[in-house]
Amino acid sequence: MKKILSEIKYDAEFIRGHTLQPQWYKILKVFLLFGILGCFYALFGGWKTLIFCVVFFGLSTALHIIYRIKTWKFTQSWLDFVVTDTDGQKSYQRIGKFYYLAVFINLITAILLSQLS
C-alpha cells in the first residue's frame, strides 16, 4: 500500500508541475468536468451519470497508466509525449493529437455505454 501511495504522490507532483498543458487549462478542465457531470446528471439522472463516471474515469485511468508505462514515468518520449533533455533538465512539449483523440474516444464510449443501461 505504501508503494502505491508513493506512486500516486509521484504522479500528482508530475501533473501539478508539467508543461504539457497551459496552467489555465489545468484549472479550467476541473470546472469543465464538474459542469459536464452536472449537465449529464440533470439530463439523464444519477444512474446513467454513475455509469458514465465509472467508464470515463476507468478508461482515463487506463490511458494515464499506459502513458506512464510507455514513457518510463514520464522520462522518455512516446507517441505525442515529447521529452527534451537540456543540461540535465527535462522539459515537455505540449501533449498532442493521440492523447486528446484517446480522451475523446473515452468520452464517446462512456456516453454510449451510459445510455445503453
N, C-alpha and C. Protein backbone atom coordinates (compact mmCIF):
# COMPACT_ATOMS: atom_id res chain seq x y z
N MET A 1 0.83 -1.20 0.00
CA MET A 1 0.00 0.00 0.00
C MET A 1 0.87 1.26 0.00
N LYS A 2 1.99 1.20 0.73
CA LYS A 2 2.88 2.35 0.81
C LYS A 2 3.48 2.68 -0.56
N LYS A 3 3.80 1.63 -1.34
CA LYS A 3 4.35 1.84 -2.68
C LYS A 3 3.32 2.50 -3.60
N ILE A 4 2.07 2.05 -3.51
CA ILE A 4 1.02 2.64 -4.34
C ILE A 4 0.85 4.12 -4.00
N LEU A 5 0.84 4.44 -2.72
CA LEU A 5 0.70 5.85 -2.31
C LEU A 5 1.87 6.69 -2.78
N SER A 6 3.08 6.14 -2.75
CA SER A 6 4.23 6.91 -3.22
C SER A 6 4.16 7.12 -4.73
N GLU A 7 3.63 6.14 -5.47
CA GLU A 7 3.48 6.29 -6.92
C GLU A 7 2.40 7.33 -7.24
N ILE A 8 1.33 7.33 -6.48
CA ILE A 8 0.28 8.34 -6.67
C ILE A 8 0.83 9.73 -6.37
N LYS A 9 1.64 9.83 -5.33
CA LYS A 9 2.26 11.12 -4.99
C LYS A 9 3.19 11.57 -6.13
N TYR A 10 3.96 10.65 -6.69
CA TYR A 10 4.85 10.96 -7.80
C TYR A 10 4.04 11.52 -8.98
N ASP A 11 2.93 10.82 -9.32
CA ASP A 11 2.11 11.27 -10.44
C ASP A 11 1.46 12.62 -10.16
N ALA A 12 1.00 12.82 -8.94
CA ALA A 12 0.37 14.10 -8.58
C ALA A 12 1.37 15.25 -8.70
N GLU A 13 2.59 15.03 -8.26
CA GLU A 13 3.61 16.07 -8.37
C GLU A 13 3.94 16.35 -9.84
N PHE A 14 3.99 15.29 -10.66
CA PHE A 14 4.25 15.50 -12.08
C PHE A 14 3.11 16.28 -12.72
N ILE A 15 1.88 15.89 -12.42
CA ILE A 15 0.72 16.56 -13.01
C ILE A 15 0.69 18.03 -12.61
N ARG A 16 1.00 18.30 -11.36
CA ARG A 16 0.99 19.68 -10.88
C ARG A 16 2.06 20.53 -11.57
N GLY A 17 3.21 19.93 -11.90
CA GLY A 17 4.32 20.72 -12.40
C GLY A 17 4.59 20.63 -13.89
N HIS A 18 3.89 19.80 -14.63
CA HIS A 18 4.23 19.63 -16.04
C HIS A 18 3.82 20.82 -16.89
N THR A 19 4.42 20.87 -18.08
CA THR A 19 4.12 21.95 -19.03
C THR A 19 3.41 21.40 -20.26
N LEU A 20 2.77 20.24 -20.14
CA LEU A 20 2.08 19.62 -21.28
C LEU A 20 0.81 20.38 -21.65
N GLN A 21 0.24 21.06 -20.71
CA GLN A 21 -0.96 21.87 -20.94
C GLN A 21 -0.74 23.21 -20.26
N PRO A 22 -1.33 24.27 -20.80
CA PRO A 22 -1.21 25.57 -20.13
C PRO A 22 -1.82 25.51 -18.73
N GLN A 23 -1.28 26.29 -17.82
CA GLN A 23 -1.76 26.30 -16.44
C GLN A 23 -3.24 26.63 -16.35
N TRP A 24 -3.70 27.59 -17.16
CA TRP A 24 -5.11 27.97 -17.13
C TRP A 24 -6.00 26.80 -17.53
N TYR A 25 -5.52 25.94 -18.45
CA TYR A 25 -6.33 24.81 -18.88
C TYR A 25 -6.44 23.75 -17.79
N LYS A 26 -5.36 23.57 -17.02
CA LYS A 26 -5.39 22.61 -15.92
C LYS A 26 -6.51 22.97 -14.93
N ILE A 27 -6.69 24.26 -14.71
CA ILE A 27 -7.74 24.73 -13.80
C ILE A 27 -9.11 24.66 -14.48
N LEU A 28 -9.18 25.11 -15.73
CA LEU A 28 -10.44 25.14 -16.46
C LEU A 28 -11.04 23.75 -16.61
N LYS A 29 -10.20 22.74 -16.85
CA LYS A 29 -10.76 21.41 -17.10
C LYS A 29 -11.46 20.82 -15.88
N VAL A 30 -11.08 21.25 -14.68
CA VAL A 30 -11.78 20.80 -13.48
C VAL A 30 -13.21 21.35 -13.50
N PHE A 31 -13.36 22.63 -13.81
CA PHE A 31 -14.68 23.24 -13.89
C PHE A 31 -15.49 22.67 -15.05
N LEU A 32 -14.81 22.40 -16.17
CA LEU A 32 -15.49 21.77 -17.31
C LEU A 32 -16.03 20.40 -16.93
N LEU A 33 -15.22 19.64 -16.24
CA LEU A 33 -15.63 18.30 -15.83
C LEU A 33 -16.85 18.35 -14.91
N PHE A 34 -16.81 19.21 -13.90
CA PHE A 34 -17.95 19.33 -13.00
C PHE A 34 -19.19 19.85 -13.73
N GLY A 35 -19.00 20.77 -14.66
CA GLY A 35 -20.12 21.28 -15.45
C GLY A 35 -20.73 20.19 -16.32
N ILE A 36 -19.89 19.41 -16.97
CA ILE A 36 -20.39 18.31 -17.81
C ILE A 36 -21.12 17.28 -16.96
N LEU A 37 -20.54 16.94 -15.81
CA LEU A 37 -21.20 15.96 -14.93
C LEU A 37 -22.53 16.49 -14.41
N GLY A 38 -22.58 17.77 -14.06
CA GLY A 38 -23.84 18.36 -13.60
C GLY A 38 -24.91 18.35 -14.68
N CYS A 39 -24.53 18.70 -15.89
CA CYS A 39 -25.49 18.67 -17.02
C CYS A 39 -25.92 17.24 -17.31
N PHE A 40 -24.97 16.32 -17.29
CA PHE A 40 -25.29 14.92 -17.54
C PHE A 40 -26.28 14.41 -16.50
N TYR A 41 -26.05 14.77 -15.24
CA TYR A 41 -26.95 14.36 -14.16
C TYR A 41 -28.34 14.96 -14.35
N ALA A 42 -28.39 16.24 -14.71
CA ALA A 42 -29.68 16.90 -14.91
C ALA A 42 -30.46 16.30 -16.08
N LEU A 43 -29.74 15.89 -17.12
CA LEU A 43 -30.41 15.34 -18.31
C LEU A 43 -30.79 13.87 -18.17
N PHE A 44 -29.90 13.08 -17.55
CA PHE A 44 -30.08 11.63 -17.59
C PHE A 44 -30.24 10.96 -16.23
N GLY A 45 -30.03 11.68 -15.14
CA GLY A 45 -30.22 11.09 -13.82
C GLY A 45 -28.95 10.48 -13.24
N GLY A 46 -29.09 10.06 -12.01
CA GLY A 46 -27.94 9.59 -11.24
C GLY A 46 -27.34 8.29 -11.73
N TRP A 47 -28.18 7.32 -12.09
CA TRP A 47 -27.67 6.01 -12.50
C TRP A 47 -26.80 6.11 -13.76
N LYS A 48 -27.30 6.82 -14.77
CA LYS A 48 -26.53 6.97 -16.01
C LYS A 48 -25.28 7.82 -15.79
N THR A 49 -25.36 8.78 -14.89
CA THR A 49 -24.18 9.58 -14.57
C THR A 49 -23.13 8.73 -13.88
N LEU A 50 -23.56 7.86 -12.98
CA LEU A 50 -22.64 6.95 -12.30
C LEU A 50 -21.94 6.03 -13.30
N ILE A 51 -22.71 5.47 -14.23
CA ILE A 51 -22.12 4.60 -15.25
C ILE A 51 -21.14 5.39 -16.11
N PHE A 52 -21.54 6.61 -16.50
CA PHE A 52 -20.65 7.46 -17.28
C PHE A 52 -19.34 7.69 -16.53
N CYS A 53 -19.43 8.02 -15.25
CA CYS A 53 -18.24 8.30 -14.45
C CYS A 53 -17.33 7.07 -14.34
N VAL A 54 -17.92 5.92 -14.05
CA VAL A 54 -17.12 4.70 -13.91
C VAL A 54 -16.39 4.38 -15.21
N VAL A 55 -17.11 4.46 -16.33
CA VAL A 55 -16.49 4.14 -17.63
C VAL A 55 -15.45 5.19 -18.00
N PHE A 56 -15.82 6.46 -17.92
CA PHE A 56 -14.89 7.52 -18.35
C PHE A 56 -13.64 7.56 -17.47
N PHE A 57 -13.83 7.55 -16.15
CA PHE A 57 -12.66 7.62 -15.28
C PHE A 57 -11.85 6.32 -15.32
N GLY A 58 -12.50 5.19 -15.54
CA GLY A 58 -11.77 3.93 -15.69
C GLY A 58 -10.90 3.94 -16.94
N LEU A 59 -11.49 4.34 -18.07
CA LEU A 59 -10.72 4.41 -19.31
C LEU A 59 -9.63 5.48 -19.23
N SER A 60 -9.91 6.59 -18.59
CA SER A 60 -8.91 7.65 -18.44
C SER A 60 -7.76 7.20 -17.55
N THR A 61 -8.07 6.44 -16.52
CA THR A 61 -7.01 5.89 -15.67
C THR A 61 -6.15 4.92 -16.47
N ALA A 62 -6.78 4.09 -17.29
CA ALA A 62 -6.03 3.16 -18.14
C ALA A 62 -5.13 3.93 -19.10
N LEU A 63 -5.64 5.01 -19.69
CA LEU A 63 -4.84 5.84 -20.59
C LEU A 63 -3.65 6.44 -19.85
N HIS A 64 -3.88 6.94 -18.65
CA HIS A 64 -2.80 7.50 -17.84
C HIS A 64 -1.73 6.44 -17.56
N ILE A 65 -2.15 5.25 -17.19
CA ILE A 65 -1.20 4.19 -16.86
C ILE A 65 -0.41 3.77 -18.10
N ILE A 66 -1.09 3.69 -19.25
CA ILE A 66 -0.38 3.35 -20.49
C ILE A 66 0.70 4.39 -20.79
N TYR A 67 0.35 5.67 -20.71
CA TYR A 67 1.35 6.72 -20.96
C TYR A 67 2.46 6.65 -19.91
N ARG A 68 2.11 6.37 -18.68
CA ARG A 68 3.11 6.31 -17.61
C ARG A 68 4.09 5.18 -17.86
N ILE A 69 3.58 4.02 -18.27
CA ILE A 69 4.45 2.86 -18.54
C ILE A 69 5.30 3.10 -19.78
N LYS A 70 4.69 3.54 -20.86
CA LYS A 70 5.40 3.71 -22.12
C LYS A 70 6.43 4.84 -22.09
N THR A 71 6.25 5.80 -21.19
CA THR A 71 7.21 6.91 -21.10
C THR A 71 8.18 6.72 -19.93
N TRP A 72 8.16 5.55 -19.32
CA TRP A 72 9.03 5.27 -18.17
C TRP A 72 8.90 6.37 -17.13
N LYS A 73 7.70 6.49 -16.59
CA LYS A 73 7.37 7.51 -15.58
C LYS A 73 7.62 8.92 -16.09
N PHE A 74 7.21 9.15 -17.33
CA PHE A 74 7.26 10.48 -17.94
C PHE A 74 8.69 10.99 -18.12
N THR A 75 9.63 10.08 -18.41
CA THR A 75 11.03 10.48 -18.58
C THR A 75 11.54 10.30 -20.00
N GLN A 76 10.78 9.64 -20.87
CA GLN A 76 11.20 9.49 -22.26
C GLN A 76 10.02 9.70 -23.20
N SER A 77 10.32 10.03 -24.44
CA SER A 77 9.29 10.33 -25.42
C SER A 77 8.58 9.06 -25.88
N TRP A 78 7.29 9.22 -26.18
CA TRP A 78 6.47 8.15 -26.75
C TRP A 78 5.25 8.79 -27.39
N LEU A 79 4.94 8.38 -28.62
CA LEU A 79 3.84 8.95 -29.39
C LEU A 79 3.90 10.47 -29.38
N ASP A 80 2.89 11.12 -28.82
CA ASP A 80 2.84 12.59 -28.81
C ASP A 80 3.38 13.19 -27.51
N PHE A 81 3.97 12.37 -26.67
CA PHE A 81 4.58 12.82 -25.42
C PHE A 81 6.08 13.00 -25.71
N VAL A 82 6.52 14.24 -25.81
CA VAL A 82 7.90 14.53 -26.22
C VAL A 82 8.66 15.13 -25.05
N VAL A 83 9.76 14.45 -24.69
CA VAL A 83 10.62 14.89 -23.60
C VAL A 83 11.94 15.35 -24.22
N THR A 84 12.38 16.53 -23.84
CA THR A 84 13.70 17.00 -24.25
C THR A 84 14.55 17.20 -23.00
N ASP A 85 15.82 16.88 -23.14
CA ASP A 85 16.74 16.97 -22.01
C ASP A 85 17.79 18.04 -22.34
N THR A 86 17.77 19.13 -21.58
CA THR A 86 18.70 20.22 -21.79
C THR A 86 19.51 20.41 -20.51
N ASP A 87 20.77 20.10 -20.57
CA ASP A 87 21.66 20.24 -19.42
C ASP A 87 21.12 19.54 -18.18
N GLY A 88 20.59 18.34 -18.37
CA GLY A 88 20.09 17.55 -17.25
C GLY A 88 18.69 17.91 -16.79
N GLN A 89 18.08 18.93 -17.37
CA GLN A 89 16.71 19.33 -17.03
C GLN A 89 15.75 18.82 -18.10
N LYS A 90 14.74 18.11 -17.67
CA LYS A 90 13.74 17.62 -18.61
C LYS A 90 12.67 18.68 -18.83
N SER A 91 12.31 18.84 -20.10
CA SER A 91 11.18 19.71 -20.42
C SER A 91 10.27 18.95 -21.36
N TYR A 92 9.02 19.35 -21.38
CA TYR A 92 8.00 18.62 -22.11
C TYR A 92 7.30 19.53 -23.09
N GLN A 93 7.08 19.02 -24.30
CA GLN A 93 6.29 19.77 -25.27
C GLN A 93 4.82 19.52 -24.99
N ARG A 94 3.98 20.35 -25.54
CA ARG A 94 2.54 20.20 -25.35
C ARG A 94 2.10 18.82 -25.84
N ILE A 95 1.20 18.20 -25.10
CA ILE A 95 0.66 16.90 -25.47
C ILE A 95 -0.14 17.08 -26.75
N GLY A 96 -0.23 16.04 -27.57
CA GLY A 96 -0.80 16.23 -28.89
C GLY A 96 -2.00 15.40 -29.24
N LYS A 97 -2.12 15.15 -30.53
CA LYS A 97 -3.34 14.59 -31.10
C LYS A 97 -3.69 13.19 -30.61
N PHE A 98 -2.72 12.33 -30.37
CA PHE A 98 -3.03 10.97 -29.95
C PHE A 98 -3.70 10.95 -28.57
N TYR A 99 -3.17 11.73 -27.66
CA TYR A 99 -3.72 11.76 -26.31
C TYR A 99 -5.15 12.31 -26.31
N TYR A 100 -5.34 13.44 -26.97
CA TYR A 100 -6.67 14.05 -26.98
C TYR A 100 -7.67 13.22 -27.78
N LEU A 101 -7.21 12.52 -28.81
CA LEU A 101 -8.09 11.60 -29.54
C LEU A 101 -8.52 10.47 -28.62
N ALA A 102 -7.60 9.95 -27.82
CA ALA A 102 -7.94 8.88 -26.87
C ALA A 102 -8.93 9.38 -25.82
N VAL A 103 -8.75 10.59 -25.32
CA VAL A 103 -9.69 11.16 -24.34
C VAL A 103 -11.07 11.32 -24.98
N PHE A 104 -11.11 11.77 -26.22
CA PHE A 104 -12.39 11.93 -26.93
C PHE A 104 -13.07 10.57 -27.12
N ILE A 105 -12.31 9.55 -27.48
CA ILE A 105 -12.86 8.20 -27.62
C ILE A 105 -13.38 7.70 -26.27
N ASN A 106 -12.64 7.98 -25.19
CA ASN A 106 -13.11 7.62 -23.84
C ASN A 106 -14.45 8.29 -23.55
N LEU A 107 -14.56 9.56 -23.89
CA LEU A 107 -15.79 10.33 -23.65
C LEU A 107 -16.96 9.74 -24.42
N ILE A 108 -16.77 9.49 -25.70
CA ILE A 108 -17.84 8.93 -26.53
C ILE A 108 -18.24 7.54 -26.04
N THR A 109 -17.25 6.72 -25.69
CA THR A 109 -17.52 5.37 -25.17
C THR A 109 -18.34 5.45 -23.89
N ALA A 110 -17.95 6.35 -22.99
CA ALA A 110 -18.67 6.49 -21.72
C ALA A 110 -20.11 6.96 -21.94
N ILE A 111 -20.29 7.90 -22.86
CA ILE A 111 -21.65 8.37 -23.16
C ILE A 111 -22.49 7.23 -23.72
N LEU A 112 -21.94 6.52 -24.71
CA LEU A 112 -22.71 5.44 -25.33
C LEU A 112 -23.05 4.34 -24.32
N LEU A 113 -22.08 3.90 -23.52
CA LEU A 113 -22.34 2.84 -22.57
C LEU A 113 -23.33 3.28 -21.48
N SER A 114 -23.26 4.52 -21.09
CA SER A 114 -24.20 5.01 -20.07
C SER A 114 -25.64 5.05 -20.61
N GLN A 115 -25.76 5.30 -21.90
CA GLN A 115 -27.10 5.38 -22.48
C GLN A 115 -27.70 4.01 -22.79
N LEU A 116 -26.87 2.99 -22.81
CA LEU A 116 -27.36 1.63 -23.07
C LEU A 116 -27.99 1.00 -21.84
N SER A 117 -27.75 1.59 -20.67
CA SER A 117 -28.28 0.99 -19.43
C SER A 117 -29.74 1.27 -19.25
